[in-house]
Structure formats: C-alpha cells, structure tokens
Amino acid sequence: MATATVEEGSIIDLGDARFEVLHLLGHAPGQARLFEPATGLLFGADAVYDGPLIADGPGMDRAAYARTLRRLRGLPVTRVHGGHDGDFDRDRLHRIIDDHLTPWDA
C-alpha cells in the first residue's frame, strides 16, 4: 500500500542520500527514475540500460523517448544502475544515447 506519491522534482531523503525523482517519458508510461545530484548516481529503470534500447513497442512514444535521452545526456551522471544488464559509467551512457539517437536524427 502506497504511503506517498512522488512527482517530477520530488525529493526522497534517506538521510545520507537525497534522490530527485525524474519523470522521463517515452519508453513506458508511469516509470520514475531516481537521481542523486551529490554523487551523480542514476537509477535509470528502463529509460537507459547497457543493451539495445527499445522505443517502438506498445505505449511507447519515440519523440518523448528522444527528449528523455537528451535530458539524461545533459545530467551530471557518474554511474547508471539500469533496469536491465549491468551498471555503467558516464562515458558509456553518452555512447548508448548517441548510438540510439543518431539514426533518429538522420
């Protein structure tokens, strides 16, 4: 049973860590991501992971997903814990995003 709801910009304070809620659209409706600005740690859920990104399934919005990826690229992320596959660093995040967006931008 939920005790609280979170929205874009909500802060989850765990005492020694403070996570900002990011509502990143496109891949799947209703998913939230958690970003800790102090360390650059991102819990990316299905928004970005170290594997082929999927943006054309039921309920997905390719334009919104492209905006999400561009937004993630602009964050000072140091490490990503994705919803699938292993963790990765900022350089890998940028390569994943750039590789995914390049065909869309053509």
PDB file of N, CA and C in Angstrom:
ATOM      1  N   MET A   1       0.844  -1.176   0.000  1.00  0.00           N
ATOM      2  CA  MET A   1       0.000   0.000   0.000  1.00  0.00           C
ATOM      3  C   MET A   1       0.894   1.246   0.000  1.00  0.00           C
ATOM      4  N   ALA A   2       0.610   2.130  -0.915  1.00  0.00           N
ATOM      5  CA  ALA A   2       1.406   3.356  -1.025  1.00  0.00           C
ATOM      6  C   ALA A   2       1.145   4.275   0.162  1.00  0.00           C
ATOM      7  N   THR A   3       2.216   4.874   0.657  1.00  0.00           N
ATOM      8  CA  THR A   3       2.075   5.839   1.747  1.00  0.00           C
ATOM      9  C   THR A   3       2.269   7.262   1.257  1.00  0.00           C
ATOM     10  N   ALA A   4       2.792   7.412   0.040  1.00  0.00           N
ATOM     11  CA  ALA A   4       3.003   8.741  -0.532  1.00  0.00           C
ATOM     12  C   ALA A   4       3.119   8.601  -2.043  1.00  0.00           C
ATOM     13  N   THR A   5       2.860   9.673  -2.725  1.00  0.00           N
ATOM     14  CA  THR A   5       3.083   9.700  -4.165  1.00  0.00           C
ATOM     15  C   THR A   5       4.240  10.644  -4.448  1.00  0.00           C
ATOM     16  N   VAL A   6       4.909  10.397  -5.545  1.00  0.00           N
ATOM     17  CA  VAL A   6       6.015  11.258  -5.939  1.00  0.00           C
ATOM     18  C   VAL A   6       5.732  11.808  -7.327  1.00  0.00           C
ATOM     19  N   GLU A   7       6.267  12.984  -7.563  1.00  0.00           N
ATOM     20  CA  GLU A   7       6.114  13.647  -8.847  1.00  0.00           C
ATOM     21  C   GLU A   7       7.478  14.126  -9.305  1.00  0.00           C
ATOM     22  N   GLU A   8       7.550  14.595 -10.529  1.00  0.00           N
ATOM     23  CA  GLU A   8       8.770  15.195 -11.061  1.00  0.00           C
ATOM     24  C   GLU A   8       9.310  16.211 -10.064  1.00  0.00           C
ATOM     25  N   GLY A   9      10.573  16.076  -9.711  1.00  0.00           N
ATOM     26  CA  GLY A   9      11.208  17.023  -8.799  1.00  0.00           C
ATOM     27  C   GLY A   9      11.062  16.696  -7.328  1.00  0.00           C
ATOM     28  N   SER A  10      10.216  15.717  -6.983  1.00  0.00           N
ATOM     29  CA  SER A  10      10.111  15.313  -5.580  1.00  0.00           C
ATOM     30  C   SER A  10      11.475  14.834  -5.090  1.00  0.00           C
ATOM     31  N   ILE A  11      11.731  15.024  -3.811  1.00  0.00           N
ATOM     32  CA  ILE A  11      12.982  14.578  -3.196  1.00  0.00           C
ATOM     33  C   ILE A  11      12.678  13.429  -2.241  1.00  0.00           C
ATOM     34  N   ILE A  12      13.440  12.363  -2.373  1.00  0.00           N
ATOM     35  CA  ILE A  12      13.367  11.244  -1.441  1.00  0.00           C
ATOM     36  C   ILE A  12      14.625  11.323  -0.587  1.00  0.00           C
ATOM     37  N   ASP A  13      14.436  11.655   0.682  1.00  0.00           N
ATOM     38  CA  ASP A  13      15.553  11.869   1.604  1.00  0.00           C
ATOM     39  C   ASP A  13      15.750  10.616   2.450  1.00  0.00           C
ATOM     40  N   LEU A  14      16.893   9.967   2.267  1.00  0.00           N
ATOM     41  CA  LEU A  14      17.216   8.761   3.023  1.00  0.00           C
ATOM     42  C   LEU A  14      18.201   9.034   4.147  1.00  0.00           C
ATOM     43  N   GLY A  15      18.415  10.309   4.449  1.00  0.00           N
ATOM     44  CA  GLY A  15      19.359  10.688   5.493  1.00  0.00           C
ATOM     45  C   GLY A  15      20.743  10.933   4.929  1.00  0.00           C
ATOM     46  N   ASP A  16      21.408   9.870   4.498  1.00  0.00           N
ATOM     47  CA  ASP A  16      22.747  10.045   3.932  1.00  0.00           C
ATOM     48  C   ASP A  16      22.724  10.153   2.406  1.00  0.00           C
ATOM     49  N   ALA A  17      21.547  10.104   1.822  1.00  0.00           N
ATOM     50  CA  ALA A  17      21.398  10.267   0.368  1.00  0.00           C
ATOM     51  C   ALA A  17      20.064  10.943   0.079  1.00  0.00           C
ATOM     52  N   ARG A  18      20.081  11.835  -0.915  1.00  0.00           N
ATOM     53  CA  ARG A  18      18.861  12.535  -1.335  1.00  0.00           C
ATOM     54  C   ARG A  18      18.689  12.324  -2.833  1.00  0.00           C
ATOM     55  N   PHE A  19      17.598  11.671  -3.204  1.00  0.00           N
ATOM     56  CA  PHE A  19      17.331  11.375  -4.601  1.00  0.00           C
ATOM     57  C   PHE A  19      16.228  12.278  -5.134  1.00  0.00           C
ATOM     58  N   GLU A  20      16.454  12.790  -6.338  1.00  0.00           N
ATOM     59  CA  GLU A  20      15.443  13.576  -7.039  1.00  0.00           C
ATOM     60  C   GLU A  20      14.683  12.635  -7.965  1.00  0.00           C
ATOM     61  N   VAL A  21      13.359  12.762  -7.972  1.00  0.00           N
ATOM     62  CA  VAL A  21      12.522  11.959  -8.853  1.00  0.00           C
ATOM     63  C   VAL A  21      12.486  12.608 -10.230  1.00  0.00           C
ATOM     64  N   LEU A  22      12.800  11.812 -11.242  1.00  0.00           N
ATOM     65  CA  LEU A  22      12.737  12.268 -12.626  1.00  0.00           C
ATOM     66  C   LEU A  22      11.643  11.477 -13.336  1.00  0.00           C
ATOM     67  N   HIS A  23      10.697  12.174 -13.908  1.00  0.00           N
ATOM     68  CA  HIS A  23       9.658  11.523 -14.698  1.00  0.00           C
ATOM     69  C   HIS A  23      10.096  11.618 -16.151  1.00  0.00           C
ATOM     70  N   LEU A  24      10.640  10.527 -16.658  1.00  0.00           N
ATOM     71  CA  LEU A  24      11.212  10.514 -18.003  1.00  0.00           C
ATOM     72  C   LEU A  24      10.312   9.684 -18.909  1.00  0.00           C
ATOM     73  N   LEU A  25       9.745  10.337 -19.885  1.00  0.00           N
ATOM     74  CA  LEU A  25       8.713   9.734 -20.719  1.00  0.00           C
ATOM     75  C   LEU A  25       9.283   9.000 -21.920  1.00  0.00           C
ATOM     76  N   GLY A  26       8.434   8.181 -22.521  1.00  0.00           N
ATOM     77  CA  GLY A  26       8.733   7.600 -23.811  1.00  0.00           C
ATOM     78  C   GLY A  26       8.847   6.099 -23.840  1.00  0.00           C
ATOM     79  N   HIS A  27       9.666   5.526 -22.961  1.00  0.00           N
ATOM     80  CA  HIS A  27       9.861   4.077 -23.023  1.00  0.00           C
ATOM     81  C   HIS A  27       8.630   3.337 -22.502  1.00  0.00           C
ATOM     82  N   ALA A  28       8.137   3.748 -21.373  1.00  0.00           N
ATOM     83  CA  ALA A  28       6.954   3.124 -20.785  1.00  0.00           C
ATOM     84  C   ALA A  28       6.265   4.151 -19.898  1.00  0.00           C
ATOM     85  N   PRO A  29       4.940   4.161 -19.900  1.00  0.00           N
ATOM     86  CA  PRO A  29       4.231   5.151 -19.089  1.00  0.00           C
ATOM     87  C   PRO A  29       4.381   4.879 -17.591  1.00  0.00           C
ATOM     88  N   GLY A  30       4.478   5.964 -16.829  1.00  0.00           N
ATOM     89  CA  GLY A  30       4.422   5.872 -15.386  1.00  0.00           C
ATOM     90  C   GLY A  30       5.695   5.480 -14.672  1.00  0.00           C
ATOM     91  N   GLN A  31       6.801   5.348 -15.369  1.00  0.00           N
ATOM     92  CA  GLN A  31       8.040   4.985 -14.693  1.00  0.00           C
ATOM     93  C   GLN A  31       8.752   6.226 -14.183  1.00  0.00           C
ATOM     94  N   ALA A  32       9.289   6.113 -12.978  1.00  0.00           N
ATOM     95  CA  ALA A  32      10.088   7.198 -12.401  1.00  0.00           C
ATOM     96  C   ALA A  32      11.531   6.725 -12.298  1.00  0.00           C
ATOM     97  N   ARG A  33      12.451   7.673 -12.368  1.00  0.00           N
ATOM     98  CA  ARG A  33      13.862   7.393 -12.187  1.00  0.00           C
ATOM     99  C   ARG A  33      14.354   8.199 -11.004  1.00  0.00           C
ATOM    100  N   LEU A  34      15.387   7.731 -10.352  1.00  0.00           N
ATOM    101  CA  LEU A  34      15.943   8.429  -9.200  1.00  0.00           C
ATOM    102  C   LEU A  34      17.358   8.873  -9.514  1.00  0.00           C
ATOM    103  N   PHE A  35      17.632  10.146  -9.241  1.00  0.00           N
ATOM    104  CA  PHE A  35      18.947  10.722  -9.499  1.00  0.00           C
ATOM    105  C   PHE A  35      19.441  11.386  -8.232  1.00  0.00           C
ATOM    106  N   GLU A  36      20.691  11.076  -7.853  1.00  0.00           N
ATOM    107  CA  GLU A  36      21.308  11.705  -6.687  1.00  0.00           C
ATOM    108  C   GLU A  36      22.339  12.719  -7.181  1.00  0.00           C
ATOM    109  N   PRO A  37      21.980  14.005  -7.198  1.00  0.00           N
ATOM    110  CA  PRO A  37      22.895  15.023  -7.723  1.00  0.00           C
ATOM    111  C   PRO A  37      24.246  15.070  -7.008  1.00  0.00           C
ATOM    112  N   ALA A  38      24.287  14.786  -5.712  1.00  0.00           N
ATOM    113  CA  ALA A  38      25.541  14.893  -4.956  1.00  0.00           C
ATOM    114  C   ALA A  38      26.604  13.913  -5.449  1.00  0.00           C
ATOM    115  N   THR A  39      26.177  12.741  -5.921  1.00  0.00           N
ATOM    116  CA  THR A  39      27.129  11.722  -6.374  1.00  0.00           C
ATOM    117  C   THR A  39      27.042  11.443  -7.868  1.00  0.00           C
ATOM    118  N   GLY A  40      25.969  11.886  -8.509  1.00  0.00           N
ATOM    119  CA  GLY A  40      25.770  11.610  -9.929  1.00  0.00           C
ATOM    120  C   GLY A  40      25.217  10.226 -10.201  1.00  0.00           C
ATOM    121  N   LEU A  41      24.706   9.569  -9.178  1.00  0.00           N
ATOM    122  CA  LEU A  41      24.164   8.219  -9.315  1.00  0.00           C
ATOM    123  C   LEU A  41      22.749   8.280  -9.882  1.00  0.00           C
ATOM    124  N   LEU A  42      22.491   7.487 -10.929  1.00  0.00           N
ATOM    125  CA  LEU A  42      21.175   7.435 -11.561  1.00  0.00           C
ATOM    126  C   LEU A  42      20.649   6.013 -11.532  1.00  0.00           C
ATOM    127  N   PHE A  43      19.463   5.838 -10.965  1.00  0.00           N
ATOM    128  CA  PHE A  43      18.732   4.588 -11.096  1.00  0.00           C
ATOM    129  C   PHE A  43      17.802   4.803 -12.279  1.00  0.00           C
ATOM    130  N   GLY A  44      18.209   4.283 -13.433  1.00  0.00           N
ATOM    131  CA  GLY A  44      17.583   4.649 -14.699  1.00  0.00           C
ATOM    132  C   GLY A  44      16.382   3.844 -15.117  1.00  0.00           C
ATOM    133  N   ALA A  45      16.007   2.812 -14.370  1.00  0.00           N
ATOM    134  CA  ALA A  45      14.893   1.943 -14.749  1.00  0.00           C
ATOM    135  C   ALA A  45      15.070   1.532 -16.207  1.00  0.00           C
ATOM    136  N   ASP A  46      14.013   1.605 -16.996  1.00  0.00           N
ATOM    137  CA  ASP A  46      14.101   1.199 -18.395  1.00  0.00           C
ATOM    138  C   ASP A  46      14.419   2.350 -19.331  1.00  0.00           C
ATOM    139  N   ALA A  47      14.675   3.536 -18.807  1.00  0.00           N
ATOM    140  CA  ALA A  47      14.969   4.678 -19.685  1.00  0.00           C
ATOM    141  C   ALA A  47      16.262   4.459 -20.443  1.00  0.00           C
ATOM    142  N   VAL A  48      17.257   3.912 -19.772  1.00  0.00           N
ATOM    143  CA  VAL A  48      18.541   3.645 -20.426  1.00  0.00           C
ATOM    144  C   VAL A  48      19.230   2.504 -19.685  1.00  0.00           C
ATOM    145  N   TYR A  49      19.773   1.581 -20.457  1.00  0.00           N
ATOM    146  CA  TYR A  49      20.480   0.430 -19.912  1.00  0.00           C
ATOM    147  C   TYR A  49      21.503  -0.003 -20.948  1.00  0.00           C
ATOM    148  N   ASP A  50      22.428  -0.854 -20.570  1.00  0.00           N
ATOM    149  CA  ASP A  50      23.533  -1.239 -21.451  1.00  0.00           C
ATOM    150  C   ASP A  50      23.127  -2.407 -22.342  1.00  0.00           C
ATOM    151  N   GLY A  51      22.216  -2.123 -23.232  1.00  0.00           N
ATOM    152  CA  GLY A  51      21.712  -3.094 -24.194  1.00  0.00           C
ATOM    153  C   GLY A  51      20.913  -2.342 -25.239  1.00  0.00           C
ATOM    154  N   PRO A  52      20.336  -3.051 -26.205  1.00  0.00           N
ATOM    155  CA  PRO A  52      19.554  -2.360 -27.236  1.00  0.00           C
ATOM    156  C   PRO A  52      18.335  -1.677 -26.613  1.00  0.00           C
ATOM    157  N   LEU A  53      18.223  -0.389 -26.813  1.00  0.00           N
ATOM    158  CA  LEU A  53      17.087   0.355 -26.273  1.00  0.00           C
ATOM    159  C   LEU A  53      15.879   0.144 -27.174  1.00  0.00           C
ATOM    160  N   ILE A  54      14.734  -0.039 -26.573  1.00  0.00           N
ATOM    161  CA  ILE A  54      13.504  -0.309 -27.317  1.00  0.00           C
ATOM    162  C   ILE A  54      12.601   0.908 -27.206  1.00  0.00           C
ATOM    163  N   ALA A  55      12.156   1.404 -28.360  1.00  0.00           N
ATOM    164  CA  ALA A  55      11.329   2.613 -28.355  1.00  0.00           C
ATOM    165  C   ALA A  55      10.113   2.508 -29.259  1.00  0.00           C
ATOM    166  N   ASP A  56       9.812   1.316 -29.758  1.00  0.00           N
ATOM    167  CA  ASP A  56       8.711   1.196 -30.709  1.00  0.00           C
ATOM    168  C   ASP A  56       7.664   0.177 -30.288  1.00  0.00           C
ATOM    169  N   GLY A  57       7.547  -0.105 -29.019  1.00  0.00           N
ATOM    170  CA  GLY A  57       6.569  -1.072 -28.541  1.00  0.00           C
ATOM    171  C   GLY A  57       5.258  -0.405 -28.157  1.00  0.00           C
ATOM    172  N   PRO A  58       4.299  -1.204 -27.701  1.00  0.00           N
ATOM    173  CA  PRO A  58       3.006  -0.657 -27.280  1.00  0.00           C
ATOM    174  C   PRO A  58       3.167   0.362 -26.151  1.00  0.00           C
ATOM    175  N   GLY A  59       2.500   1.485 -26.265  1.00  0.00           N
ATOM    176  CA  GLY A  59       2.530   2.520 -25.235  1.00  0.00           C
ATOM    177  C   GLY A  59       3.767   3.392 -25.251  1.00  0.00           C
ATOM    178  N   MET A  60       4.665   3.160 -26.201  1.00  0.00           N
ATOM    179  CA  MET A  60       5.902   3.947 -26.261  1.00  0.00           C
ATOM    180  C   MET A  60       5.722   5.149 -27.181  1.00  0.00           C
ATOM    181  N   ASP A  61       6.421   6.207 -26.849  1.00  0.00           N
ATOM    182  CA  ASP A  61       6.363   7.455 -27.611  1.00  0.00           C
ATOM    183  C   ASP A  61       7.790   7.818 -27.999  1.00  0.00           C
ATOM    184  N   ARG A  62       8.129   7.615 -29.273  1.00  0.00           N
ATOM    185  CA  ARG A  62       9.507   7.798 -29.731  1.00  0.00           C
ATOM    186  C   ARG A  62       9.998   9.231 -29.523  1.00  0.00           C
ATOM    187  N   ALA A  63       9.169  10.224 -29.814  1.00  0.00           N
ATOM    188  CA  ALA A  63       9.589  11.624 -29.655  1.00  0.00           C
ATOM    189  C   ALA A  63       9.857  11.941 -28.182  1.00  0.00           C
ATOM    190  N   ALA A  64       8.977  11.467 -27.297  1.00  0.00           N
ATOM    191  CA  ALA A  64       9.175  11.692 -25.858  1.00  0.00           C
ATOM    192  C   ALA A  64      10.424  10.962 -25.373  1.00  0.00           C
ATOM    193  N   TYR A  65      10.647   9.764 -25.903  1.00  0.00           N
ATOM    194  CA  TYR A  65      11.826   8.994 -25.507  1.00  0.00           C
ATOM    195  C   TYR A  65      13.101   9.703 -25.949  1.00  0.00           C
ATOM    196  N   ALA A  66      13.099  10.277 -27.138  1.00  0.00           N
ATOM    197  CA  ALA A  66      14.268  11.033 -27.612  1.00  0.00           C
ATOM    198  C   ALA A  66      14.536  12.224 -26.693  1.00  0.00           C
ATOM    199  N   ARG A  67      13.477  12.911 -26.266  1.00  0.00           N
ATOM    200  CA  ARG A  67      13.655  14.029 -25.321  1.00  0.00           C
ATOM    201  C   ARG A  67      14.234  13.526 -23.999  1.00  0.00           C
ATOM    202  N   THR A  68      13.760  12.390 -23.532  1.00  0.00           N
ATOM    203  CA  THR A  68      14.279  11.792 -22.302  1.00  0.00           C
ATOM    204  C   THR A  68      15.766  11.493 -22.426  1.00  0.00           C
ATOM    205  N   LEU A  69      16.167  10.874 -23.523  1.00  0.00           N
ATOM    206  CA  LEU A  69      17.581  10.530 -23.707  1.00  0.00           C
ATOM    207  C   LEU A  69      18.446  11.781 -23.759  1.00  0.00           C
ATOM    208  N   ARG A  70      17.966  12.809 -24.432  1.00  0.00           N
ATOM    209  CA  ARG A  70      18.730  14.069 -24.489  1.00  0.00           C
ATOM    210  C   ARG A  70      18.833  14.700 -23.094  1.00  0.00           C
ATOM    211  N   ARG A  71      17.758  14.612 -22.337  1.00  0.00           N
ATOM    212  CA  ARG A  71      17.792  15.148 -20.966  1.00  0.00           C
ATOM    213  C   ARG A  71      18.807  14.381 -20.119  1.00  0.00           C
ATOM    214  N   LEU A  72      18.793  13.062 -20.215  1.00  0.00           N
ATOM    215  CA  LEU A  72      19.747  12.252 -19.454  1.00  0.00           C
ATOM    216  C   LEU A  72      21.180  12.573 -19.844  1.00  0.00           C
ATOM    217  N   ARG A  73      21.410  12.828 -21.118  1.00  0.00           N
ATOM    218  CA  ARG A  73      22.766  13.139 -21.582  1.00  0.00           C
ATOM    219  C   ARG A  73      23.267  14.433 -20.959  1.00  0.00           C
ATOM    220  N   GLY A  74      22.363  15.349 -20.630  1.00  0.00           N
ATOM    221  CA  GLY A  74      22.742  16.626 -20.047  1.00  0.00           C
ATOM    222  C   GLY A  74      22.923  16.613 -18.538  1.00  0.00           C
ATOM    223  N   LEU A  75      22.539  15.533 -17.880  1.00  0.00           N
ATOM    224  CA  LEU A  75      22.696  15.447 -16.423  1.00  0.00           C
ATOM    225  C   LEU A  75      24.136  15.079 -16.060  1.00  0.00           C
ATOM    226  N   PRO A  76      24.619  15.541 -14.905  1.00  0.00           N
ATOM    227  CA  PRO A  76      25.976  15.195 -14.469  1.00  0.00           C
ATOM    228  C   PRO A  76      26.036  13.795 -13.843  1.00  0.00           C
ATOM    229  N   VAL A  77      25.664  12.800 -14.633  1.00  0.00           N
ATOM    230  CA  VAL A  77      25.633  11.407 -14.181  1.00  0.00           C
ATOM    231  C   VAL A  77      27.059  10.858 -14.118  1.00  0.00           C
ATOM    232  N   THR A  78      27.359  10.129 -13.053  1.00  0.00           N
ATOM    233  CA  THR A  78      28.655   9.450 -12.948  1.00  0.00           C
ATOM    234  C   THR A  78      28.507   7.938 -13.100  1.00  0.00           C
ATOM    235  N   ARG A  79      27.367   7.401 -12.668  1.00  0.00           N
ATOM    236  CA  ARG A  79      27.136   5.949 -12.721  1.00  0.00           C
ATOM    237  C   ARG A  79      25.652   5.698 -12.914  1.00  0.00           C
ATOM    238  N   VAL A  80      25.331   4.703 -13.756  1.00  0.00           N
ATOM    239  CA  VAL A  80      23.941   4.342 -14.027  1.00  0.00           C
ATOM    240  C   VAL A  80      23.693   2.913 -13.571  1.00  0.00           C
ATOM    241  N   HIS A  81      22.620   2.749 -12.815  1.00  0.00           N
ATOM    242  CA  HIS A  81      22.090   1.426 -12.496  1.00  0.00           C
ATOM    243  C   HIS A  81      20.817   1.306 -13.329  1.00  0.00           C
ATOM    244  N   GLY A  82      20.911   0.611 -14.464  1.00  0.00           N
ATOM    245  CA  GLY A  82      19.774   0.483 -15.363  1.00  0.00           C
ATOM    246  C   GLY A  82      18.821  -0.605 -14.911  1.00  0.00           C
ATOM    247  N   GLY A  83      17.682  -0.661 -15.569  1.00  0.00           N
ATOM    248  CA  GLY A  83      16.685  -1.677 -15.254  1.00  0.00           C
ATOM    249  C   GLY A  83      17.041  -3.050 -15.799  1.00  0.00           C
ATOM    250  N   HIS A  84      18.021  -3.109 -16.690  1.00  0.00           N
ATOM    251  CA  HIS A  84      18.466  -4.360 -17.294  1.00  0.00           C
ATOM    252  C   HIS A  84      19.985  -4.314 -17.406  1.00  0.00           C
ATOM    253  N   ASP A  85      20.593  -5.452 -17.506  1.00  0.00           N
ATOM    254  CA  ASP A  85      22.024  -5.572 -17.753  1.00  0.00           C
ATOM    255  C   ASP A  85      22.832  -4.936 -16.616  1.00  0.00           C
ATOM    256  N   GLY A  86      24.117  -4.704 -16.828  1.00  0.00           N
ATOM    257  CA  GLY A  86      24.992  -4.223 -15.763  1.00  0.00           C
ATOM    258  C   GLY A  86      25.021  -2.715 -15.624  1.00  0.00           C
ATOM    259  N   ASP A  87      25.710  -2.266 -14.588  1.00  0.00           N
ATOM    260  CA  ASP A  87      25.915  -0.836 -14.351  1.00  0.00           C
ATOM    261  C   ASP A  87      26.941  -0.307 -15.343  1.00  0.00           C
ATOM    262  N   PHE A  88      26.938   1.011 -15.540  1.00  0.00           N
ATOM    263  CA  PHE A  88      27.916   1.611 -16.445  1.00  0.00           C
ATOM    264  C   PHE A  88      28.155   3.059 -16.068  1.00  0.00           C
ATOM    265  N   ASP A  89      29.222   3.630 -16.647  1.00  0.00           N
ATOM    266  CA  ASP A  89      29.648   4.982 -16.298  1.00  0.00           C
ATOM    267  C   ASP A  89      29.121   6.024 -17.290  1.00  0.00           C
ATOM    268  N   ARG A  90      29.496   7.275 -17.040  1.00  0.00           N
ATOM    269  CA  ARG A  90      29.027   8.407 -17.846  1.00  0.00           C
ATOM    270  C   ARG A  90      29.416   8.283 -19.317  1.00  0.00           C
ATOM    271  N   ASP A  91      30.652   7.858 -19.586  1.00  0.00           N
ATOM    272  CA  ASP A  91      31.079   7.720 -20.979  1.00  0.00           C
ATOM    273  C   ASP A  91      30.216   6.705 -21.720  1.00  0.00           C
ATOM    274  N   ARG A  92      29.951   5.579 -21.078  1.00  0.00           N
ATOM    275  CA  ARG A  92      29.102   4.553 -21.702  1.00  0.00           C
ATOM    276  C   ARG A  92      27.688   5.085 -21.878  1.00  0.00           C
ATOM    277  N   LEU A  93      27.171   5.822 -20.911  1.00  0.00           N
ATOM    278  CA  LEU A  93      25.845   6.435 -21.035  1.00  0.00           C
ATOM    279  C   LEU A  93      25.780   7.289 -22.288  1.00  0.00           C
ATOM    280  N   HIS A  94      26.777   8.127 -22.487  1.00  0.00           N
ATOM    281  CA  HIS A  94      26.786   9.008 -23.660  1.00  0.00           C
ATOM    282  C   HIS A  94      26.855   8.210 -24.957  1.00  0.00           C
ATOM    283  N   ARG A  95      27.646   7.136 -24.979  1.00  0.00           N
ATOM    284  CA  ARG A  95      27.730   6.311 -26.195  1.00  0.00           C
ATOM    285  C   ARG A  95      26.398   5.629 -26.491  1.00  0.00           C
ATOM    286  N   ILE A  96      25.758   5.094 -25.462  1.00  0.00           N
ATOM    287  CA  ILE A  96      24.459   4.436 -25.647  1.00  0.00           C
ATOM    288  C   ILE A  96      23.455   5.429 -26.217  1.00  0.00           C
ATOM    289  N   ILE A  97      23.376   6.604 -25.611  1.00  0.00           N
ATOM    290  CA  ILE A  97      22.417   7.613 -26.063  1.00  0.00           C
ATOM    291  C   ILE A  97      22.744   8.070 -27.478  1.00  0.00           C
ATOM    292  N   ASP A  98      23.991   8.393 -27.734  1.00  0.00           N
ATOM    293  CA  ASP A  98      24.372   8.868 -29.067  1.00  0.00           C
ATOM    294  C   ASP A  98      24.111   7.806 -30.130  1.00  0.00           C
ATOM    295  N   ASP A  99      24.449   6.556 -29.838  1.00  0.00           N
ATOM    296  CA  ASP A  99      24.211   5.475 -30.797  1.00  0.00           C
ATOM    297  C   ASP A  99      22.727   5.294 -31.076  1.00  0.00           C
ATOM    298  N   HIS A 100      21.911   5.514 -30.065  1.00  0.00           N
ATOM    299  CA  HIS A 100      20.473   5.335 -30.229  1.00  0.00           C
ATOM    300  C   HIS A 100      19.835   6.507 -30.964  1.00  0.00           C
ATOM    301  N   LEU A 101      20.284   7.716 -30.674  1.00  0.00           N
ATOM    302  CA  LEU A 101      19.669   8.901 -31.279  1.00  0.00           C
ATOM    303  C   LEU A 101      20.134   9.159 -32.705  1.00  0.00           C
ATOM    304  N   THR A 102      21.340   8.760 -33.056  1.00  0.00           N
ATOM    305  CA  THR A 102      21.883   9.070 -34.384  1.00  0.00           C
ATOM    306  C   THR A 102      20.952   8.637 -35.517  1.00  0.00           C
ATOM    307  N   PRO A 103      20.435   7.402 -35.532  1.00  0.00           N
ATOM    308  CA  PRO A 103      19.526   7.041 -36.633  1.00  0.00           C
ATOM    309  C   PRO A 103      18.233   7.863 -36.630  1.00  0.00           C
ATOM    310  N   TRP A 104      17.760   8.253 -35.454  1.00  0.00           N
ATOM    311  CA  TRP A 104      16.531   9.045 -35.378  1.00  0.00           C
ATOM    312  C   TRP A 104      16.750  10.446 -35.912  1.00  0.00           C
ATOM    313  N   ASP A 105      17.959  10.964 -35.732  1.00  0.00           N
ATOM    314  CA  ASP A 105      18.253  12.334 -36.156  1.00  0.00           C
ATOM    315  C   ASP A 105      18.562  12.431 -37.647  1.00  0.00           C
ATOM    316  N   ALA A 106      18.766  11.289 -38.292  1.00  0.00           N
ATOM    317  CA  ALA A 106      19.136  11.293 -39.725  1.00  0.00           C
ATOM    318  C   ALA A 106      17.954  11.679 -40.601  1.00  0.00           C
TER     319      ALA A 106
END
